[in-house]
Amino acid sequence: MASALDALSLRQRVIADNIANVQTPGYQAKRVQFEDALSAAVGKGSGVVTASTRTSLEPTREGGNNVNLDTEVLSNIDTALRFQLATRAMDGKFSIIRAAMRTS
């Protein structure tokens, strides 16, 4: 969960950078990838991964910028929902631990 939260946090920062540079000539949008690596790590019993950032391959507009505001907004909403889900899952685990400590 910690790896997922770190990666989602990085993705939110990258999206914010992309949106901030929507009008910057020559700026190439960035993307954060971690889901495939996280899935593979969980399958191996680890769950520890490092997110990677790469340049988007989306087509550029005149001026060399390829930030698509619609894509960024949707990605931000998706990332925020995933972050909420992950934090709720962590909270649920901590609630179970707290309950177990109270009964001991």
C-alpha atoms as a PDB file:
ATOM      1  CA  MET A   1       0.000   0.000   0.000  1.00  0.00           C
ATOM      2  CA  ALA A   2       2.837   2.385   0.796  1.00  0.00           C
ATOM      3  CA  SER A   3       4.275   1.949  -2.715  1.00  0.00           C
ATOM      4  CA  ALA A   4       0.879   2.574  -4.272  1.00  0.00           C
ATOM      5  CA  LEU A   5       0.310   5.713  -2.176  1.00  0.00           C
ATOM      6  CA  ASP A   6       3.781   7.034  -3.047  1.00  0.00           C
ATOM      7  CA  ALA A   7       3.226   6.409  -6.749  1.00  0.00           C
ATOM      8  CA  LEU A   8      -0.237   7.971  -6.738  1.00  0.00           C
ATOM      9  CA  SER A   9       1.151  11.008  -4.945  1.00  0.00           C
ATOM     10  CA  LEU A  10       3.879  11.302  -7.602  1.00  0.00           C
ATOM     11  CA  ARG A  11       1.238  10.995 -10.316  1.00  0.00           C
ATOM     12  CA  GLN A  12      -0.754  13.853  -8.776  1.00  0.00           C
ATOM     13  CA  ARG A  13       2.359  16.071  -8.788  1.00  0.00           C
ATOM     14  CA  VAL A  14       3.143  15.173 -12.413  1.00  0.00           C
ATOM     15  CA  ILE A  15      -0.443  15.928 -13.477  1.00  0.00           C
ATOM     16  CA  ALA A  16      -0.228  19.296 -11.721  1.00  0.00           C
ATOM     17  CA  ASP A  17       3.025  20.030 -13.572  1.00  0.00           C
ATOM     18  CA  ASN A  18       1.418  19.056 -16.879  1.00  0.00           C
ATOM     19  CA  ILE A  19      -1.585  21.314 -16.268  1.00  0.00           C
ATOM     20  CA  ALA A  20       0.661  24.186 -15.193  1.00  0.00           C
ATOM     21  CA  ASN A  21       2.537  23.876 -18.494  1.00  0.00           C
ATOM     22  CA  VAL A  22      -0.463  23.504 -20.811  1.00  0.00           C
ATOM     23  CA  GLN A  23       0.523  26.697 -22.668  1.00  0.00           C
ATOM     24  CA  THR A  24       4.322  26.292 -22.473  1.00  0.00           C
ATOM     25  CA  PRO A  25       5.794  25.927 -25.982  1.00  0.00           C
ATOM     26  CA  GLY A  26       7.761  22.700 -26.404  1.00  0.00           C
ATOM     27  CA  TYR A  27       6.628  21.177 -23.110  1.00  0.00           C
ATOM     28  CA  GLN A  28       6.068  17.432 -23.321  1.00  0.00           C
ATOM     29  CA  ALA A  29       3.565  15.928 -20.893  1.00  0.00           C
ATOM     30  CA  LYS A  30       4.832  13.324 -18.434  1.00  0.00           C
ATOM     31  CA  ARG A  31       3.188  10.077 -17.359  1.00  0.00           C
ATOM     32  CA  VAL A  32       3.748   7.993 -14.218  1.00  0.00           C
ATOM     33  CA  GLN A  33       3.766   4.207 -14.580  1.00  0.00           C
ATOM     34  CA  PHE A  34       3.661   1.766 -11.685  1.00  0.00           C
ATOM     35  CA  GLU A  35       0.574  -0.451 -11.895  1.00  0.00           C
ATOM     36  CA  ASP A  36       2.174  -3.271 -13.905  1.00  0.00           C
ATOM     37  CA  ALA A  37       5.277  -3.325 -11.700  1.00  0.00           C
ATOM     38  CA  LEU A  38       3.126  -3.264  -8.550  1.00  0.00           C
ATOM     39  CA  SER A  39       0.977  -6.121  -9.811  1.00  0.00           C
ATOM     40  CA  ALA A  40       4.075  -8.195 -10.591  1.00  0.00           C
ATOM     41  CA  ALA A  41       5.624  -7.405  -7.198  1.00  0.00           C
ATOM     42  CA  VAL A  42       2.432  -8.339  -5.341  1.00  0.00           C
ATOM     43  CA  GLY A  43       2.326 -11.585  -7.322  1.00  0.00           C
ATOM     44  CA  LYS A  44       5.826 -12.353  -6.045  1.00  0.00           C
ATOM     45  CA  GLY A  45       4.826 -11.473  -2.482  1.00  0.00           C
ATOM     46  CA  SER A  46       6.695  -8.178  -2.250  1.00  0.00           C
ATOM     47  CA  GLY A  47       4.517  -5.218  -3.192  1.00  0.00           C
ATOM     48  CA  VAL A  48       7.457  -2.807  -3.112  1.00  0.00           C
ATOM     49  CA  VAL A  49       7.981  -0.865  -6.335  1.00  0.00           C
ATOM     50  CA  THR A  50       9.296   2.458  -7.527  1.00  0.00           C
ATOM     51  CA  ALA A  51       7.161   4.466  -9.938  1.00  0.00           C
ATOM     52  CA  SER A  52       8.731   5.543 -13.210  1.00  0.00           C
ATOM     53  CA  THR A  53       8.074   8.767 -15.078  1.00  0.00           C
ATOM     54  CA  ARG A  54       8.223   8.919 -18.851  1.00  0.00           C
ATOM     55  CA  THR A  55       7.444  11.460 -21.532  1.00  0.00           C
ATOM     56  CA  SER A  56       4.018  11.143 -23.149  1.00  0.00           C
ATOM     57  CA  LEU A  57       3.941   9.988 -26.753  1.00  0.00           C
ATOM     58  CA  GLU A  58       0.732  11.855 -27.522  1.00  0.00           C
ATOM     59  CA  PRO A  59       0.762  14.008 -30.674  1.00  0.00           C
ATOM     60  CA  THR A  60       1.991  17.566 -30.285  1.00  0.00           C
ATOM     61  CA  ARG A  61       0.186  20.739 -31.185  1.00  0.00           C
ATOM     62  CA  GLU A  62       1.685  23.688 -32.957  1.00  0.00           C
ATOM     63  CA  GLY A  63       4.474  24.923 -30.699  1.00  0.00           C
ATOM     64  CA  GLY A  64       5.512  21.396 -29.698  1.00  0.00           C
ATOM     65  CA  ASN A  65       3.307  21.085 -26.614  1.00  0.00           C
ATOM     66  CA  ASN A  66       1.326  17.853 -26.192  1.00  0.00           C
ATOM     67  CA  VAL A  67      -0.577  18.478 -22.927  1.00  0.00           C
ATOM     68  CA  ASN A  68      -4.257  17.635 -23.338  1.00  0.00           C
ATOM     69  CA  LEU A  69      -6.196  19.380 -20.567  1.00  0.00           C
ATOM     70  CA  ASP A  70      -9.154  16.974 -20.815  1.00  0.00           C
ATOM     71  CA  THR A  71      -6.852  13.974 -20.406  1.00  0.00           C
ATOM     72  CA  GLU A  72      -5.085  15.575 -17.447  1.00  0.00           C
ATOM     73  CA  VAL A  73      -8.334  16.437 -15.647  1.00  0.00           C
ATOM     74  CA  LEU A  74      -9.706  12.910 -16.089  1.00  0.00           C
ATOM     75  CA  SER A  75      -6.408  11.416 -14.966  1.00  0.00           C
ATOM     76  CA  ASN A  76      -6.422  13.665 -11.908  1.00  0.00           C
ATOM     77  CA  ILE A  77      -9.938  12.547 -10.958  1.00  0.00           C
ATOM     78  CA  ASP A  78      -8.997   8.878 -11.439  1.00  0.00           C
ATOM     79  CA  THR A  79      -5.827   9.306  -9.388  1.00  0.00           C
ATOM     80  CA  ALA A  80      -7.655  11.092  -6.568  1.00  0.00           C
ATOM     81  CA  LEU A  81     -10.241   8.297  -6.376  1.00  0.00           C
ATOM     82  CA  ARG A  82      -7.520   5.632  -6.322  1.00  0.00           C
ATOM     83  CA  PHE A  83      -5.691   7.536  -3.593  1.00  0.00           C
ATOM     84  CA  GLN A  84      -8.888   7.710  -1.507  1.00  0.00           C
ATOM     85  CA  LEU A  85      -9.446   3.974  -1.965  1.00  0.00           C
ATOM     86  CA  ALA A  86      -5.883   3.168  -0.905  1.00  0.00           C
ATOM     87  CA  THR A  87      -6.046   5.406   2.169  1.00  0.00           C
ATOM     88  CA  ARG A  88      -9.353   3.846   3.204  1.00  0.00           C
ATOM     89  CA  ALA A  89      -7.831   0.382   2.826  1.00  0.00           C
ATOM     90  CA  MET A  90      -4.910   1.440   5.036  1.00  0.00           C
ATOM     91  CA  ASP A  91      -7.313   2.928   7.572  1.00  0.00           C
ATOM     92  CA  GLY A  92      -9.234  -0.350   7.650  1.00  0.00           C
ATOM     93  CA  LYS A  93      -6.048  -2.291   8.397  1.00  0.00           C
ATOM     94  CA  PHE A  94      -5.090   0.120  11.167  1.00  0.00           C
ATOM     95  CA  SER A  95      -8.597  -0.136  12.640  1.00  0.00           C
ATOM     96  CA  ILE A  96      -8.209  -3.901  12.875  1.00  0.00           C
ATOM     97  CA  ILE A  97      -4.821  -3.512  14.579  1.00  0.00           C
ATOM     98  CA  ARG A  98      -6.216  -0.955  17.039  1.00  0.00           C
ATOM     99  CA  ALA A  99      -9.141  -3.236  17.872  1.00  0.00           C
ATOM    100  CA  ALA A 100      -6.780  -6.161  18.431  1.00  0.00           C
ATOM    101  CA  MET A 101      -4.614  -4.051  20.743  1.00  0.00           C
ATOM    102  CA  ARG A 102      -7.641  -3.009  22.817  1.00  0.00           C
ATOM    103  CA  THR A 103      -8.721  -6.604  23.419  1.00  0.00           C
ATOM    104  CA  SER A 104      -5.245  -7.738  24.455  1.00  0.00           C
END
